[in-house]
Amino acid sequence: MNINWKRKLSSRKFWAAVSGVVISVMIAFGANADSQEKVVGVITATGTLAIYMLAEGSTDKAAIKQEQETKE
């Protein structure tokens, strides 16, 4: 089984699932609401950054491909 990590990391559903699992574990271990909010903020920021990086990489790849095709 081959996992497409690029697709996975750019999925909002994936980041929502990660947040849900982490918060569930934190609740099980008695973390307070303030800590939970901070962790969700960090996970959201990480997901946003990952999506941005993948989108920019895809855009750059398409621009380079178009530039190469134009030169040929």
N, C-alpha and C. Protein backbone atom coordinates (compact mmCIF):
# COMPACT_ATOMS: atom_id res chain seq x y z
N MET A 1 0.85 -1.18 0.00
CA MET A 1 0.00 0.00 0.00
C MET A 1 0.89 1.24 0.00
N ASN A 2 0.65 2.10 -0.94
CA ASN A 2 1.46 3.32 -1.10
C ASN A 2 0.62 4.53 -0.69
N ILE A 3 1.09 5.29 0.29
CA ILE A 3 0.36 6.46 0.78
C ILE A 3 0.84 7.71 0.05
N ASN A 4 -0.09 8.46 -0.50
CA ASN A 4 0.24 9.72 -1.17
C ASN A 4 0.28 10.82 -0.11
N TRP A 5 1.47 11.05 0.45
CA TRP A 5 1.62 11.99 1.56
C TRP A 5 1.33 13.42 1.14
N LYS A 6 1.65 13.76 -0.09
CA LYS A 6 1.37 15.12 -0.56
C LYS A 6 -0.13 15.40 -0.49
N ARG A 7 -0.90 14.45 -0.95
CA ARG A 7 -2.36 14.59 -0.93
C ARG A 7 -2.87 14.58 0.51
N LYS A 8 -2.33 13.68 1.33
CA LYS A 8 -2.76 13.55 2.71
C LYS A 8 -2.50 14.83 3.49
N LEU A 9 -1.30 15.40 3.36
CA LEU A 9 -0.93 16.58 4.12
C LEU A 9 -1.67 17.83 3.66
N SER A 10 -2.21 17.81 2.46
CA SER A 10 -2.94 18.98 1.99
C SER A 10 -4.45 18.85 2.24
N SER A 11 -4.83 17.82 2.96
CA SER A 11 -6.25 17.58 3.24
C SER A 11 -6.67 18.22 4.56
N ARG A 12 -7.72 19.02 4.51
CA ARG A 12 -8.27 19.61 5.73
C ARG A 12 -8.85 18.52 6.63
N LYS A 13 -9.40 17.48 6.02
CA LYS A 13 -9.95 16.38 6.81
C LYS A 13 -8.85 15.69 7.62
N PHE A 14 -7.68 15.54 7.03
CA PHE A 14 -6.55 14.93 7.72
C PHE A 14 -6.18 15.75 8.95
N TRP A 15 -6.05 17.07 8.79
CA TRP A 15 -5.67 17.92 9.91
C TRP A 15 -6.76 17.97 10.98
N ALA A 16 -8.02 17.91 10.57
CA ALA A 16 -9.11 17.86 11.54
C ALA A 16 -9.04 16.55 12.33
N ALA A 17 -8.73 15.46 11.65
CA ALA A 17 -8.59 14.17 12.32
C ALA A 17 -7.42 14.18 13.30
N VAL A 18 -6.29 14.75 12.88
CA VAL A 18 -5.13 14.86 13.78
C VAL A 18 -5.52 15.65 15.03
N SER A 19 -6.17 16.78 14.83
CA SER A 19 -6.61 17.60 15.97
C SER A 19 -7.53 16.82 16.89
N GLY A 20 -8.47 16.11 16.30
CA GLY A 20 -9.42 15.34 17.10
C GLY A 20 -8.74 14.26 17.93
N VAL A 21 -7.81 13.56 17.34
CA VAL A 21 -7.09 12.51 18.07
C VAL A 21 -6.26 13.11 19.19
N VAL A 22 -5.52 14.16 18.88
CA VAL A 22 -4.66 14.78 19.90
C VAL A 22 -5.49 15.32 21.06
N ILE A 23 -6.58 16.01 20.76
CA ILE A 23 -7.42 16.56 21.83
C ILE A 23 -8.05 15.43 22.65
N SER A 24 -8.46 14.36 22.00
CA SER A 24 -9.02 13.23 22.73
C SER A 24 -8.01 12.64 23.71
N VAL A 25 -6.78 12.52 23.26
CA VAL A 25 -5.72 12.00 24.14
C VAL A 25 -5.46 12.98 25.29
N MET A 26 -5.45 14.27 24.98
CA MET A 26 -5.23 15.27 26.03
C MET A 26 -6.34 15.22 27.08
N ILE A 27 -7.58 15.06 26.63
CA ILE A 27 -8.71 14.97 27.57
C ILE A 27 -8.55 13.72 28.44
N ALA A 28 -8.15 12.61 27.82
CA ALA A 28 -7.96 11.37 28.57
C ALA A 28 -6.91 11.53 29.67
N PHE A 29 -5.91 12.36 29.41
CA PHE A 29 -4.86 12.56 30.40
C PHE A 29 -5.09 13.79 31.27
N GLY A 30 -6.25 14.41 31.18
CA GLY A 30 -6.64 15.48 32.07
C GLY A 30 -6.06 16.86 31.76
N ALA A 31 -5.72 17.12 30.52
CA ALA A 31 -5.21 18.45 30.15
C ALA A 31 -6.32 19.49 30.26
N ASN A 32 -5.95 20.69 30.66
CA ASN A 32 -6.96 21.74 30.81
C ASN A 32 -7.32 22.35 29.45
N ALA A 33 -8.40 23.10 29.41
CA ALA A 33 -8.92 23.68 28.16
C ALA A 33 -7.92 24.63 27.52
N ASP A 34 -7.17 25.37 28.34
CA ASP A 34 -6.18 26.31 27.80
C ASP A 34 -5.10 25.58 27.01
N SER A 35 -4.63 24.48 27.54
CA SER A 35 -3.61 23.68 26.84
C SER A 35 -4.18 23.10 25.55
N GLN A 36 -5.41 22.65 25.62
CA GLN A 36 -6.05 22.08 24.43
C GLN A 36 -6.17 23.12 23.32
N GLU A 37 -6.55 24.33 23.67
CA GLU A 37 -6.68 25.40 22.67
C GLU A 37 -5.33 25.70 22.03
N LYS A 38 -4.28 25.72 22.84
CA LYS A 38 -2.95 26.00 22.30
C LYS A 38 -2.50 24.91 21.34
N VAL A 39 -2.75 23.66 21.70
CA VAL A 39 -2.37 22.54 20.83
C VAL A 39 -3.14 22.59 19.52
N VAL A 40 -4.44 22.86 19.58
CA VAL A 40 -5.23 22.98 18.35
C VAL A 40 -4.69 24.10 17.48
N GLY A 41 -4.29 25.21 18.10
CA GLY A 41 -3.70 26.32 17.35
C GLY A 41 -2.42 25.92 16.65
N VAL A 42 -1.58 25.16 17.33
CA VAL A 42 -0.32 24.70 16.72
C VAL A 42 -0.60 23.73 15.58
N ILE A 43 -1.53 22.81 15.78
CA ILE A 43 -1.86 21.85 14.71
C ILE A 43 -2.45 22.58 13.51
N THR A 44 -3.32 23.53 13.75
CA THR A 44 -3.92 24.31 12.65
C THR A 44 -2.85 25.09 11.89
N ALA A 45 -1.93 25.70 12.62
CA ALA A 45 -0.85 26.45 11.97
C ALA A 45 0.04 25.52 11.14
N THR A 46 0.33 24.35 11.68
CA THR A 46 1.16 23.38 10.96
C THR A 46 0.45 22.92 9.69
N GLY A 47 -0.84 22.64 9.79
CA GLY A 47 -1.61 22.23 8.61
C GLY A 47 -1.66 23.32 7.56
N THR A 48 -1.85 24.54 7.99
CA THR A 48 -1.89 25.67 7.06
C THR A 48 -0.55 25.82 6.35
N LEU A 49 0.53 25.70 7.10
CA LEU A 49 1.86 25.81 6.51
C LEU A 49 2.12 24.68 5.51
N ALA A 50 1.73 23.47 5.87
CA ALA A 50 1.93 22.33 4.97
C ALA A 50 1.15 22.51 3.67
N ILE A 51 -0.10 22.94 3.78
CA ILE A 51 -0.92 23.17 2.59
C ILE A 51 -0.31 24.26 1.72
N TYR A 52 0.14 25.35 2.34
CA TYR A 52 0.77 26.45 1.59
C TYR A 52 2.01 25.97 0.86
N MET A 53 2.86 25.22 1.56
CA MET A 53 4.11 24.75 0.94
C MET A 53 3.82 23.82 -0.24
N LEU A 54 2.87 22.93 -0.08
CA LEU A 54 2.52 22.02 -1.17
C LEU A 54 1.92 22.76 -2.36
N ALA A 55 1.08 23.75 -2.08
CA ALA A 55 0.46 24.53 -3.16
C ALA A 55 1.52 25.34 -3.91
N GLU A 56 2.43 25.98 -3.18
CA GLU A 56 3.49 26.76 -3.82
C GLU A 56 4.42 25.86 -4.63
N GLY A 57 4.74 24.70 -4.09
CA GLY A 57 5.58 23.76 -4.82
C GLY A 57 4.93 23.32 -6.12
N SER A 58 3.64 23.05 -6.06
CA SER A 58 2.89 22.65 -7.25
C SER A 58 2.85 23.79 -8.27
N THR A 59 2.64 25.01 -7.80
CA THR A 59 2.62 26.18 -8.69
C THR A 59 3.98 26.39 -9.34
N ASP A 60 5.05 26.29 -8.56
CA ASP A 60 6.40 26.44 -9.10
C ASP A 60 6.72 25.37 -10.12
N LYS A 61 6.31 24.13 -9.83
CA LYS A 61 6.55 23.03 -10.76
C LYS A 61 5.85 23.27 -12.10
N ALA A 62 4.59 23.74 -12.04
CA ALA A 62 3.84 24.02 -13.26
C ALA A 62 4.48 25.16 -14.04
N ALA A 63 4.97 26.19 -13.35
CA ALA A 63 5.60 27.32 -14.03
C ALA A 63 6.89 26.89 -14.72
N ILE A 64 7.67 26.05 -14.06
CA ILE A 64 8.92 25.57 -14.65
C ILE A 64 8.62 24.69 -15.87
N LYS A 65 7.62 23.84 -15.75
CA LYS A 65 7.24 22.97 -16.88
C LYS A 65 6.78 23.81 -18.07
N GLN A 66 5.98 24.83 -17.80
CA GLN A 66 5.49 25.70 -18.88
C GLN A 66 6.66 26.44 -19.53
N GLU A 67 7.60 26.91 -18.71
CA GLU A 67 8.77 27.64 -19.22
C GLU A 67 9.61 26.73 -20.11
N GLN A 68 9.78 25.48 -19.71
CA GLN A 68 10.57 24.53 -20.50
C GLN A 68 9.87 24.23 -21.81
N GLU A 69 8.55 24.09 -21.80
CA GLU A 69 7.80 23.81 -23.02
C GLU A 69 7.87 25.00 -23.98
N THR A 70 7.89 26.21 -23.43
CA THR A 70 7.97 27.40 -24.26
C THR A 70 9.31 27.49 -24.97
N LYS A 71 10.38 27.10 -24.30
CA LYS A 71 11.72 27.14 -24.87
C LYS A 71 11.92 26.12 -25.98
N GLU A 72 11.17 25.03 -25.91
CA GLU A 72 11.32 23.96 -26.91
C GLU A 72 10.59 24.31 -28.13
